[in-house]
Protein backbone atom coordinates (compact mmCIF):
# COMPACT_ATOMS: atom_id res chain seq x y z
CA UNK A 1 0.00 0.00 0.00
CA UNK A 2 1.34 3.40 -0.89
CA UNK A 3 2.09 6.03 1.73
CA UNK A 4 -0.57 8.34 0.28
CA UNK A 5 -3.22 5.62 0.57
CA UNK A 6 -2.22 4.97 4.19
CA UNK A 7 -2.40 8.70 4.96
CA UNK A 8 -5.84 8.96 3.34
CA UNK A 9 -7.07 5.92 5.27
CA UNK A 10 -5.76 7.27 8.58
CA UNK A 11 -7.19 10.72 7.87
CA UNK A 12 -10.57 9.24 6.97
CA UNK A 13 -10.58 7.08 10.09
CA UNK A 14 -9.67 10.04 12.27
CA UNK A 15 -12.37 12.17 10.68
CA UNK A 16 -14.95 9.42 11.21
CA UNK A 17 -13.93 9.08 14.88
CA UNK A 18 -14.20 12.84 15.46
CA UNK A 19 -17.61 12.95 13.75
CA UNK A 20 -18.83 10.02 15.87
CA UNK A 21 -17.62 11.72 19.06
CA UNK A 22 -19.36 14.95 18.05
CA UNK A 23 -22.61 13.12 17.28
CA UNK A 24 -22.52 11.27 20.60
CA UNK A 25 -21.89 14.46 22.57
CA UNK A 26 -24.45 16.64 20.79
CA UNK A 27 -26.36 18.12 23.77
CA UNK A 28 -30.04 17.24 24.16
CA UNK A 29 -32.92 19.71 24.59
CA UNK A 30 -33.00 18.81 28.31
CA UNK A 31 -29.31 19.68 28.58
CA UNK A 32 -30.04 23.00 26.88
CA UNK A 33 -32.92 23.82 29.22
CA UNK A 34 -30.69 23.27 32.26
CA UNK A 35 -27.99 25.47 30.75
CA UNK A 36 -30.43 28.12 29.55
CA UNK A 37 -32.21 28.58 32.87
CA UNK A 38 -28.83 29.32 34.50
CA UNK A 39 -27.66 31.59 31.67
CA UNK A 40 -30.94 33.45 31.25
CA UNK A 41 -31.56 34.07 34.94
CA UNK A 42 -28.10 35.62 35.17
CA UNK A 43 -28.66 37.59 31.96
CA UNK A 44 -32.04 38.89 33.12
CA UNK A 45 -30.65 39.91 36.52
CA UNK A 46 -27.77 41.82 34.93
CA UNK A 47 -29.44 43.35 31.87
CA UNK A 48 -33.22 43.42 31.97
CA UNK A 49 -33.55 46.21 34.53
CA UNK A 50 -31.33 48.45 32.41
CA UNK A 51 -34.05 48.38 29.73
CA UNK A 52 -36.73 49.99 31.88
CA UNK A 53 -38.06 53.32 30.60
CA UNK A 54 -35.87 56.23 31.75
CA UNK A 55 -38.97 57.96 33.16
CA UNK A 56 -38.85 55.51 36.07
CA UNK A 57 -35.41 56.82 37.02
CA UNK A 58 -32.85 55.12 39.21
CA UNK A 59 -35.44 54.16 41.80
CA UNK A 60 -37.25 52.00 39.22
CA UNK A 61 -34.02 50.23 38.33
CA UNK A 62 -33.13 49.67 41.98
CA UNK A 63 -36.59 48.23 42.64
CA UNK A 64 -36.33 46.07 39.53
CA UNK A 65 -32.96 44.65 40.59
CA UNK A 66 -34.08 43.97 44.16
CA UNK A 67 -37.49 42.52 43.38
CA UNK A 68 -36.72 41.19 39.91
CA UNK A 69 -33.81 39.09 41.11
CA UNK A 70 -36.02 37.45 43.71
CA UNK A 71 -38.82 36.90 41.19
CA UNK A 72 -36.40 35.38 38.67
CA UNK A 73 -34.93 33.05 41.32
CA UNK A 74 -38.30 31.87 42.63
CA UNK A 75 -39.70 31.51 39.11
CA UNK A 76 -36.91 29.22 37.88
CA UNK A 77 -39.13 26.14 37.34
CA UNK A 78 -41.60 28.22 35.34
CA UNK A 79 -38.73 29.85 33.44
CA UNK A 80 -37.33 26.43 32.54
CA UNK A 81 -40.74 25.34 31.27
CA UNK A 82 -41.09 28.59 29.31
CA UNK A 83 -37.63 28.07 27.79
CA UNK A 84 -38.63 24.56 26.73
CA UNK A 85 -41.80 25.88 25.10
CA UNK A 86 -40.16 28.86 23.42
CA UNK A 87 -37.02 27.19 22.05
CA UNK A 88 -36.53 25.82 18.57
CA UNK A 89 -33.74 23.33 18.04
CA UNK A 90 -32.01 22.81 14.72
CA UNK A 91 -30.26 19.45 15.03
CA UNK A 92 -27.34 19.05 12.63
CA UNK A 93 -26.37 15.68 14.21
CA UNK A 94 -22.80 16.85 14.99
CA UNK A 95 -24.07 19.97 16.76
CA UNK A 96 -27.32 21.81 17.47
CA UNK A 97 -28.42 25.42 17.29
CA UNK A 98 -31.00 26.55 19.84
CA UNK A 99 -33.10 29.68 19.26
CA UNK A 100 -35.08 30.99 22.22
CA UNK A 101 -37.42 33.99 22.29
CA UNK A 102 -38.62 35.07 25.72
CA UNK A 103 -41.00 37.77 26.83
CA UNK A 104 -40.96 38.29 30.60
CA UNK A 105 -43.53 40.64 32.14
CA UNK A 106 -43.40 44.27 31.02
CA UNK A 107 -39.89 43.89 29.62
CA UNK A 108 -39.35 43.70 25.87
CA UNK A 109 -38.86 40.24 24.37
CA UNK A 110 -35.32 38.89 24.13
CA UNK A 111 -33.83 36.47 21.64
CA UNK A 112 -30.97 34.10 22.34
CA UNK A 113 -29.09 31.84 19.96
CA UNK A 114 -26.86 29.14 21.34
CA UNK A 115 -24.59 26.55 19.76
CA UNK A 116 -24.55 23.15 21.46
CA UNK A 117 -21.49 21.07 20.60
CA UNK A 118 -19.35 18.50 22.42
CA UNK A 119 -21.64 18.68 25.48
CA UNK A 120 -20.98 22.45 25.78
CA UNK A 121 -23.06 25.53 25.03
CA UNK A 122 -21.92 28.80 23.51
CA UNK A 123 -24.43 31.66 23.38
CA UNK A 124 -23.42 33.84 20.48
CA UNK A 125 -26.43 36.16 20.32
CA UNK A 126 -28.34 37.77 23.21
CA UNK A 127 -30.39 40.78 22.28
CA UNK A 128 -33.65 42.57 22.62
CA UNK A 129 -36.07 41.38 19.94
CA UNK A 130 -37.45 43.80 17.42
C-alpha atoms as a PDB file:
ATOM      1  CA  UNK A   1       0.000   0.000   0.000  1.00  0.00           C
ATOM      2  CA  UNK A   2       1.339   3.405  -0.893  1.00  0.00           C
ATOM      3  CA  UNK A   3       2.088   6.026   1.733  1.00  0.00           C
ATOM      4  CA  UNK A   4      -0.567   8.335   0.277  1.00  0.00           C
ATOM      5  CA  UNK A   5      -3.215   5.623   0.573  1.00  0.00           C
ATOM      6  CA  UNK A   6      -2.222   4.975   4.187  1.00  0.00           C
ATOM      7  CA  UNK A   7      -2.397   8.705   4.962  1.00  0.00           C
ATOM      8  CA  UNK A   8      -5.840   8.964   3.340  1.00  0.00           C
ATOM      9  CA  UNK A   9      -7.074   5.920   5.266  1.00  0.00           C
ATOM     10  CA  UNK A  10      -5.759   7.271   8.575  1.00  0.00           C
ATOM     11  CA  UNK A  11      -7.191  10.716   7.872  1.00  0.00           C
ATOM     12  CA  UNK A  12     -10.570   9.242   6.972  1.00  0.00           C
ATOM     13  CA  UNK A  13     -10.581   7.084  10.091  1.00  0.00           C
ATOM     14  CA  UNK A  14      -9.672  10.041  12.275  1.00  0.00           C
ATOM     15  CA  UNK A  15     -12.367  12.175  10.675  1.00  0.00           C
ATOM     16  CA  UNK A  16     -14.948   9.417  11.211  1.00  0.00           C
ATOM     17  CA  UNK A  17     -13.926   9.076  14.876  1.00  0.00           C
ATOM     18  CA  UNK A  18     -14.197  12.836  15.457  1.00  0.00           C
ATOM     19  CA  UNK A  19     -17.612  12.946  13.747  1.00  0.00           C
ATOM     20  CA  UNK A  20     -18.830  10.020  15.868  1.00  0.00           C
ATOM     21  CA  UNK A  21     -17.620  11.725  19.063  1.00  0.00           C
ATOM     22  CA  UNK A  22     -19.358  14.948  18.054  1.00  0.00           C
ATOM     23  CA  UNK A  23     -22.613  13.123  17.278  1.00  0.00           C
ATOM     24  CA  UNK A  24     -22.524  11.270  20.600  1.00  0.00           C
ATOM     25  CA  UNK A  25     -21.887  14.455  22.574  1.00  0.00           C
ATOM     26  CA  UNK A  26     -24.452  16.639  20.788  1.00  0.00           C
ATOM     27  CA  UNK A  27     -26.364  18.119  23.765  1.00  0.00           C
ATOM     28  CA  UNK A  28     -30.038  17.237  24.157  1.00  0.00           C
ATOM     29  CA  UNK A  29     -32.918  19.707  24.588  1.00  0.00           C
ATOM     30  CA  UNK A  30     -33.002  18.806  28.309  1.00  0.00           C
ATOM     31  CA  UNK A  31     -29.313  19.680  28.579  1.00  0.00           C
ATOM     32  CA  UNK A  32     -30.041  23.000  26.879  1.00  0.00           C
ATOM     33  CA  UNK A  33     -32.924  23.816  29.223  1.00  0.00           C
ATOM     34  CA  UNK A  34     -30.687  23.270  32.255  1.00  0.00           C
ATOM     35  CA  UNK A  35     -27.988  25.470  30.747  1.00  0.00           C
ATOM     36  CA  UNK A  36     -30.433  28.118  29.548  1.00  0.00           C
ATOM     37  CA  UNK A  37     -32.207  28.579  32.867  1.00  0.00           C
ATOM     38  CA  UNK A  38     -28.831  29.323  34.497  1.00  0.00           C
ATOM     39  CA  UNK A  39     -27.659  31.588  31.673  1.00  0.00           C
ATOM     40  CA  UNK A  40     -30.941  33.446  31.252  1.00  0.00           C
ATOM     41  CA  UNK A  41     -31.555  34.067  34.941  1.00  0.00           C
ATOM     42  CA  UNK A  42     -28.100  35.621  35.174  1.00  0.00           C
ATOM     43  CA  UNK A  43     -28.656  37.595  31.962  1.00  0.00           C
ATOM     44  CA  UNK A  44     -32.039  38.891  33.124  1.00  0.00           C
ATOM     45  CA  UNK A  45     -30.652  39.911  36.518  1.00  0.00           C
ATOM     46  CA  UNK A  46     -27.769  41.816  34.933  1.00  0.00           C
ATOM     47  CA  UNK A  47     -29.435  43.347  31.871  1.00  0.00           C
ATOM     48  CA  UNK A  48     -33.220  43.417  31.972  1.00  0.00           C
ATOM     49  CA  UNK A  49     -33.551  46.207  34.529  1.00  0.00           C
ATOM     50  CA  UNK A  50     -31.331  48.445  32.409  1.00  0.00           C
ATOM     51  CA  UNK A  51     -34.049  48.375  29.731  1.00  0.00           C
ATOM     52  CA  UNK A  52     -36.730  49.992  31.881  1.00  0.00           C
ATOM     53  CA  UNK A  53     -38.056  53.322  30.604  1.00  0.00           C
ATOM     54  CA  UNK A  54     -35.869  56.229  31.747  1.00  0.00           C
ATOM     55  CA  UNK A  55     -38.972  57.964  33.158  1.00  0.00           C
ATOM     56  CA  UNK A  56     -38.846  55.514  36.065  1.00  0.00           C
ATOM     57  CA  UNK A  57     -35.411  56.816  37.023  1.00  0.00           C
ATOM     58  CA  UNK A  58     -32.847  55.124  39.213  1.00  0.00           C
ATOM     59  CA  UNK A  59     -35.438  54.156  41.801  1.00  0.00           C
ATOM     60  CA  UNK A  60     -37.248  52.001  39.225  1.00  0.00           C
ATOM     61  CA  UNK A  61     -34.020  50.228  38.330  1.00  0.00           C
ATOM     62  CA  UNK A  62     -33.134  49.666  41.981  1.00  0.00           C
ATOM     63  CA  UNK A  63     -36.588  48.225  42.643  1.00  0.00           C
ATOM     64  CA  UNK A  64     -36.328  46.066  39.526  1.00  0.00           C
ATOM     65  CA  UNK A  65     -32.962  44.653  40.590  1.00  0.00           C
ATOM     66  CA  UNK A  66     -34.078  43.969  44.156  1.00  0.00           C
ATOM     67  CA  UNK A  67     -37.495  42.517  43.384  1.00  0.00           C
ATOM     68  CA  UNK A  68     -36.723  41.194  39.909  1.00  0.00           C
ATOM     69  CA  UNK A  69     -33.808  39.095  41.107  1.00  0.00           C
ATOM     70  CA  UNK A  70     -36.020  37.450  43.706  1.00  0.00           C
ATOM     71  CA  UNK A  71     -38.818  36.904  41.186  1.00  0.00           C
ATOM     72  CA  UNK A  72     -36.399  35.379  38.668  1.00  0.00           C
ATOM     73  CA  UNK A  73     -34.930  33.055  41.323  1.00  0.00           C
ATOM     74  CA  UNK A  74     -38.303  31.870  42.630  1.00  0.00           C
ATOM     75  CA  UNK A  75     -39.697  31.512  39.106  1.00  0.00           C
ATOM     76  CA  UNK A  76     -36.912  29.217  37.880  1.00  0.00           C
ATOM     77  CA  UNK A  77     -39.135  26.143  37.340  1.00  0.00           C
ATOM     78  CA  UNK A  78     -41.599  28.218  35.341  1.00  0.00           C
ATOM     79  CA  UNK A  79     -38.734  29.850  33.436  1.00  0.00           C
ATOM     80  CA  UNK A  80     -37.329  26.425  32.537  1.00  0.00           C
ATOM     81  CA  UNK A  81     -40.741  25.338  31.267  1.00  0.00           C
ATOM     82  CA  UNK A  82     -41.086  28.593  29.314  1.00  0.00           C
ATOM     83  CA  UNK A  83     -37.630  28.066  27.792  1.00  0.00           C
ATOM     84  CA  UNK A  84     -38.633  24.564  26.730  1.00  0.00           C
ATOM     85  CA  UNK A  85     -41.802  25.877  25.098  1.00  0.00           C
ATOM     86  CA  UNK A  86     -40.155  28.864  23.416  1.00  0.00           C
ATOM     87  CA  UNK A  87     -37.025  27.190  22.049  1.00  0.00           C
ATOM     88  CA  UNK A  88     -36.535  25.816  18.572  1.00  0.00           C
ATOM     89  CA  UNK A  89     -33.738  23.326  18.044  1.00  0.00           C
ATOM     90  CA  UNK A  90     -32.007  22.812  14.715  1.00  0.00           C
ATOM     91  CA  UNK A  91     -30.259  19.447  15.027  1.00  0.00           C
ATOM     92  CA  UNK A  92     -27.341  19.049  12.634  1.00  0.00           C
ATOM     93  CA  UNK A  93     -26.365  15.679  14.207  1.00  0.00           C
ATOM     94  CA  UNK A  94     -22.803  16.848  14.993  1.00  0.00           C
ATOM     95  CA  UNK A  95     -24.072  19.973  16.755  1.00  0.00           C
ATOM     96  CA  UNK A  96     -27.324  21.812  17.466  1.00  0.00           C
ATOM     97  CA  UNK A  97     -28.424  25.421  17.288  1.00  0.00           C
ATOM     98  CA  UNK A  98     -30.998  26.545  19.843  1.00  0.00           C
ATOM     99  CA  UNK A  99     -33.100  29.677  19.261  1.00  0.00           C
ATOM    100  CA  UNK A 100     -35.075  30.986  22.217  1.00  0.00           C
ATOM    101  CA  UNK A 101     -37.417  33.985  22.289  1.00  0.00           C
ATOM    102  CA  UNK A 102     -38.616  35.066  25.723  1.00  0.00           C
ATOM    103  CA  UNK A 103     -41.000  37.774  26.832  1.00  0.00           C
ATOM    104  CA  UNK A 104     -40.960  38.288  30.604  1.00  0.00           C
ATOM    105  CA  UNK A 105     -43.527  40.637  32.139  1.00  0.00           C
ATOM    106  CA  UNK A 106     -43.404  44.266  31.015  1.00  0.00           C
ATOM    107  CA  UNK A 107     -39.892  43.888  29.621  1.00  0.00           C
ATOM    108  CA  UNK A 108     -39.346  43.696  25.870  1.00  0.00           C
ATOM    109  CA  UNK A 109     -38.857  40.238  24.373  1.00  0.00           C
ATOM    110  CA  UNK A 110     -35.323  38.888  24.134  1.00  0.00           C
ATOM    111  CA  UNK A 111     -33.834  36.475  21.645  1.00  0.00           C
ATOM    112  CA  UNK A 112     -30.969  34.102  22.344  1.00  0.00           C
ATOM    113  CA  UNK A 113     -29.087  31.845  19.961  1.00  0.00           C
ATOM    114  CA  UNK A 114     -26.856  29.136  21.340  1.00  0.00           C
ATOM    115  CA  UNK A 115     -24.593  26.545  19.764  1.00  0.00           C
ATOM    116  CA  UNK A 116     -24.546  23.151  21.459  1.00  0.00           C
ATOM    117  CA  UNK A 117     -21.489  21.073  20.600  1.00  0.00           C
ATOM    118  CA  UNK A 118     -19.349  18.499  22.421  1.00  0.00           C
ATOM    119  CA  UNK A 119     -21.638  18.681  25.485  1.00  0.00           C
ATOM    120  CA  UNK A 120     -20.976  22.446  25.783  1.00  0.00           C
ATOM    121  CA  UNK A 121     -23.061  25.533  25.031  1.00  0.00           C
ATOM    122  CA  UNK A 122     -21.920  28.800  23.513  1.00  0.00           C
ATOM    123  CA  UNK A 123     -24.432  31.657  23.380  1.00  0.00           C
ATOM    124  CA  UNK A 124     -23.425  33.839  20.477  1.00  0.00           C
ATOM    125  CA  UNK A 125     -26.433  36.156  20.320  1.00  0.00           C
ATOM    126  CA  UNK A 126     -28.345  37.766  23.207  1.00  0.00           C
ATOM    127  CA  UNK A 127     -30.393  40.782  22.281  1.00  0.00           C
ATOM    128  CA  UNK A 128     -33.648  42.567  22.625  1.00  0.00           C
ATOM    129  CA  UNK A 129     -36.071  41.383  19.943  1.00  0.00           C
ATOM    130  CA  UNK A 130     -37.451  43.798  17.420  1.00  0.00           C
END
